[in-house]
Amino acid sequence: MEADAVLSILSRCKDGEWTLVSSNVVKREVSKQTDTRRLEKVEALLSIASEMLKATTTTVEKAEAFQKGGIKVFDSYHLAIADENGCDVFLTTDDRLLKRAAGQALNIRTANPATWILEVI
């Protein structure tokens, strides 16, 4: 169900109905991928993103605070950038991240793609 939701969301982003954003932190994380075949697939998906957000000093501060709340380093930066830039929703299939994010002071909603898409369509 999650995979279908993600594919549906990406399709709507590709069609311009919704906006997928990425960031310089996502690019950095993806660049660590050593499997070239998987790297090509991820880069193809990321090409759908129509906005590229950049980490700022505020992002770093927020990310460090999120890390103190038990959120992993890259996840903390993804969440901080989305929150700082006023994204409508931060979607993840990582239940642990969703649980930890719920305990943070956020200006955006966090959700599982399968749950979120059922609410918006």
C-alpha atoms as a PDB file:
ATOM      1  CA  MET A   1       0.000   0.000   0.000  1.00  0.00           C
ATOM      2  CA  GLU A   2       2.848   2.387   0.829  1.00  0.00           C
ATOM      3  CA  ALA A   3       4.597   1.642  -2.461  1.00  0.00           C
ATOM      4  CA  ASP A   4       1.420   2.321  -4.422  1.00  0.00           C
ATOM      5  CA  ALA A   5       0.892   5.573  -2.526  1.00  0.00           C
ATOM      6  CA  VAL A   6       4.443   6.722  -3.216  1.00  0.00           C
ATOM      7  CA  LEU A   7       4.105   5.898  -6.914  1.00  0.00           C
ATOM      8  CA  SER A   8       0.798   7.762  -7.100  1.00  0.00           C
ATOM      9  CA  ILE A   9       2.283  10.801  -5.357  1.00  0.00           C
ATOM     10  CA  LEU A  10       5.312  10.816  -7.658  1.00  0.00           C
ATOM     11  CA  SER A  11       3.052  10.491 -10.697  1.00  0.00           C
ATOM     12  CA  ARG A  12       1.001  13.509  -9.601  1.00  0.00           C
ATOM     13  CA  CYS A  13       4.205  15.462  -9.008  1.00  0.00           C
ATOM     14  CA  LYS A  14       5.502  14.505 -12.444  1.00  0.00           C
ATOM     15  CA  ASP A  15       2.217  15.654 -13.981  1.00  0.00           C
ATOM     16  CA  GLY A  16       2.527  19.001 -12.191  1.00  0.00           C
ATOM     17  CA  GLU A  17      -0.515  18.493  -9.980  1.00  0.00           C
ATOM     18  CA  TRP A  18       1.629  18.532  -6.829  1.00  0.00           C
ATOM     19  CA  THR A  19       5.126  19.837  -6.169  1.00  0.00           C
ATOM     20  CA  LEU A  20       7.963  17.589  -5.116  1.00  0.00           C
ATOM     21  CA  VAL A  21      10.844  19.418  -3.496  1.00  0.00           C
ATOM     22  CA  SER A  22      14.364  18.196  -2.974  1.00  0.00           C
ATOM     23  CA  SER A  23      17.412  19.682  -1.318  1.00  0.00           C
ATOM     24  CA  ASN A  24      21.163  19.855  -1.406  1.00  0.00           C
ATOM     25  CA  VAL A  25      21.094  17.478   1.581  1.00  0.00           C
ATOM     26  CA  VAL A  26      19.142  14.896  -0.435  1.00  0.00           C
ATOM     27  CA  LYS A  27      21.729  15.213  -3.213  1.00  0.00           C
ATOM     28  CA  ARG A  28      24.517  14.664  -0.700  1.00  0.00           C
ATOM     29  CA  GLU A  29      22.832  11.621   0.807  1.00  0.00           C
ATOM     30  CA  VAL A  30      22.102  10.115  -2.607  1.00  0.00           C
ATOM     31  CA  SER A  31      25.708  10.664  -3.715  1.00  0.00           C
ATOM     32  CA  LYS A  32      26.803   8.206  -1.028  1.00  0.00           C
ATOM     33  CA  GLN A  33      24.950   5.416  -2.858  1.00  0.00           C
ATOM     34  CA  THR A  34      27.541   2.949  -4.164  1.00  0.00           C
ATOM     35  CA  ASP A  35      25.176   0.793  -6.235  1.00  0.00           C
ATOM     36  CA  THR A  36      25.219   2.607  -9.597  1.00  0.00           C
ATOM     37  CA  ARG A  37      22.005   0.966 -10.783  1.00  0.00           C
ATOM     38  CA  ARG A  38      20.133   2.067  -7.678  1.00  0.00           C
ATOM     39  CA  LEU A  39      21.752   5.513  -7.890  1.00  0.00           C
ATOM     40  CA  GLU A  40      20.418   5.962 -11.431  1.00  0.00           C
ATOM     41  CA  LYS A  41      16.890   5.004 -10.318  1.00  0.00           C
ATOM     42  CA  VAL A  42      16.948   7.413  -7.386  1.00  0.00           C
ATOM     43  CA  GLU A  43      18.332  10.237  -9.533  1.00  0.00           C
ATOM     44  CA  ALA A  44      15.567   9.625 -12.089  1.00  0.00           C
ATOM     45  CA  LEU A  45      12.957   9.943  -9.334  1.00  0.00           C
ATOM     46  CA  LEU A  46      14.590  13.072  -7.976  1.00  0.00           C
ATOM     47  CA  SER A  47      14.491  14.664 -11.412  1.00  0.00           C
ATOM     48  CA  ILE A  48      10.744  15.058 -10.815  1.00  0.00           C
ATOM     49  CA  ALA A  49      11.473  17.609  -8.087  1.00  0.00           C
ATOM     50  CA  SER A  50      10.658  21.107  -9.276  1.00  0.00           C
ATOM     51  CA  GLU A  51      12.261  22.941  -6.372  1.00  0.00           C
ATOM     52  CA  MET A  52      15.727  22.614  -4.860  1.00  0.00           C
ATOM     53  CA  LEU A  53      15.985  23.818  -1.272  1.00  0.00           C
ATOM     54  CA  LYS A  54      19.260  24.619   0.462  1.00  0.00           C
ATOM     55  CA  ALA A  55      20.354  24.157   4.037  1.00  0.00           C
ATOM     56  CA  THR A  56      20.996  27.348   5.985  1.00  0.00           C
ATOM     57  CA  THR A  57      22.411  28.152   9.393  1.00  0.00           C
ATOM     58  CA  THR A  58      18.879  27.881  10.770  1.00  0.00           C
ATOM     59  CA  THR A  59      18.536  24.461   9.139  1.00  0.00           C
ATOM     60  CA  VAL A  60      21.667  23.260  10.917  1.00  0.00           C
ATOM     61  CA  GLU A  61      20.388  24.531  14.268  1.00  0.00           C
ATOM     62  CA  LYS A  62      16.992  22.858  13.788  1.00  0.00           C
ATOM     63  CA  ALA A  63      18.591  19.627  12.604  1.00  0.00           C
ATOM     64  CA  GLU A  64      20.851  19.511  15.652  1.00  0.00           C
ATOM     65  CA  ALA A  65      17.836  20.019  17.922  1.00  0.00           C
ATOM     66  CA  PHE A  66      15.993  17.208  16.123  1.00  0.00           C
ATOM     67  CA  GLN A  67      19.027  14.946  16.559  1.00  0.00           C
ATOM     68  CA  LYS A  68      18.855  15.540  20.312  1.00  0.00           C
ATOM     69  CA  GLY A  69      15.293  14.223  20.029  1.00  0.00           C
ATOM     70  CA  GLY A  70      16.605  10.958  18.583  1.00  0.00           C
ATOM     71  CA  ILE A  71      16.240  11.696  14.870  1.00  0.00           C
ATOM     72  CA  LYS A  72      19.056  10.419  12.648  1.00  0.00           C
ATOM     73  CA  VAL A  73      21.404  12.956  11.035  1.00  0.00           C
ATOM     74  CA  PHE A  74      20.165  12.951   7.416  1.00  0.00           C
ATOM     75  CA  ASP A  75      16.539  12.624   8.515  1.00  0.00           C
ATOM     76  CA  SER A  76      16.976  15.602  10.834  1.00  0.00           C
ATOM     77  CA  TYR A  77      18.252  17.745   7.964  1.00  0.00           C
ATOM     78  CA  HIS A  78      15.456  16.651   5.607  1.00  0.00           C
ATOM     79  CA  LEU A  79      12.868  17.481   8.257  1.00  0.00           C
ATOM     80  CA  ALA A  80      14.527  20.805   9.172  1.00  0.00           C
ATOM     81  CA  ILE A  81      14.698  21.970   5.544  1.00  0.00           C
ATOM     82  CA  ALA A  82      11.069  21.038   4.906  1.00  0.00           C
ATOM     83  CA  ASP A  83       9.964  22.761   8.112  1.00  0.00           C
ATOM     84  CA  GLU A  84      12.051  25.872   7.502  1.00  0.00           C
ATOM     85  CA  ASN A  85      10.728  26.273   3.956  1.00  0.00           C
ATOM     86  CA  GLY A  86       7.063  25.829   4.820  1.00  0.00           C
ATOM     87  CA  CYS A  87       6.430  22.634   2.910  1.00  0.00           C
ATOM     88  CA  ASP A  88       2.843  21.444   3.207  1.00  0.00           C
ATOM     89  CA  VAL A  89       3.760  17.967   4.372  1.00  0.00           C
ATOM     90  CA  PHE A  90       6.813  15.833   5.073  1.00  0.00           C
ATOM     91  CA  LEU A  91       6.132  12.292   3.880  1.00  0.00           C
ATOM     92  CA  THR A  92       8.051   9.244   5.023  1.00  0.00           C
ATOM     93  CA  THR A  93       7.475   5.514   5.345  1.00  0.00           C
ATOM     94  CA  ASP A  94       9.819   5.440   8.350  1.00  0.00           C
ATOM     95  CA  ASP A  95       7.523   4.832  11.325  1.00  0.00           C
ATOM     96  CA  ARG A  96      10.323   5.528  13.782  1.00  0.00           C
ATOM     97  CA  LEU A  97      10.957   8.926  12.196  1.00  0.00           C
ATOM     98  CA  LEU A  98       7.248   9.759  12.234  1.00  0.00           C
ATOM     99  CA  LYS A  99       7.053   8.900  15.927  1.00  0.00           C
ATOM    100  CA  ARG A 100      10.108  10.984  16.801  1.00  0.00           C
ATOM    101  CA  ALA A 101       8.997  13.888  14.606  1.00  0.00           C
ATOM    102  CA  ALA A 102       5.655  13.948  16.431  1.00  0.00           C
ATOM    103  CA  GLY A 103       7.544  14.967  19.570  1.00  0.00           C
ATOM    104  CA  GLN A 104       9.168  17.980  17.878  1.00  0.00           C
ATOM    105  CA  ALA A 105       7.984  21.563  17.545  1.00  0.00           C
ATOM    106  CA  LEU A 106       7.190  21.623  13.821  1.00  0.00           C
ATOM    107  CA  ASN A 107       5.393  24.062  11.565  1.00  0.00           C
ATOM    108  CA  ILE A 108       4.547  21.315   9.055  1.00  0.00           C
ATOM    109  CA  ARG A 109       2.686  18.051   9.108  1.00  0.00           C
ATOM    110  CA  THR A 110       4.488  14.722   8.965  1.00  0.00           C
ATOM    111  CA  ALA A 111       2.689  11.680   7.574  1.00  0.00           C
ATOM    112  CA  ASN A 112       2.969   8.269   6.033  1.00  0.00           C
ATOM    113  CA  PRO A 113       2.311   8.534   2.258  1.00  0.00           C
ATOM    114  CA  ALA A 114      -0.396   5.841   2.355  1.00  0.00           C
ATOM    115  CA  THR A 115      -2.330   7.622   5.115  1.00  0.00           C
ATOM    116  CA  TRP A 116      -1.846  11.066   3.625  1.00  0.00           C
ATOM    117  CA  ILE A 117      -2.935  10.215   0.094  1.00  0.00           C
ATOM    118  CA  LEU A 118      -6.176   8.668   1.362  1.00  0.00           C
ATOM    119  CA  GLU A 119      -6.963  11.978   3.043  1.00  0.00           C
ATOM    120  CA  VAL A 120      -6.230  14.232   0.084  1.00  0.00           C
ATOM    121  CA  ILE A 121      -7.765  12.370  -2.844  1.00  0.00           C
END
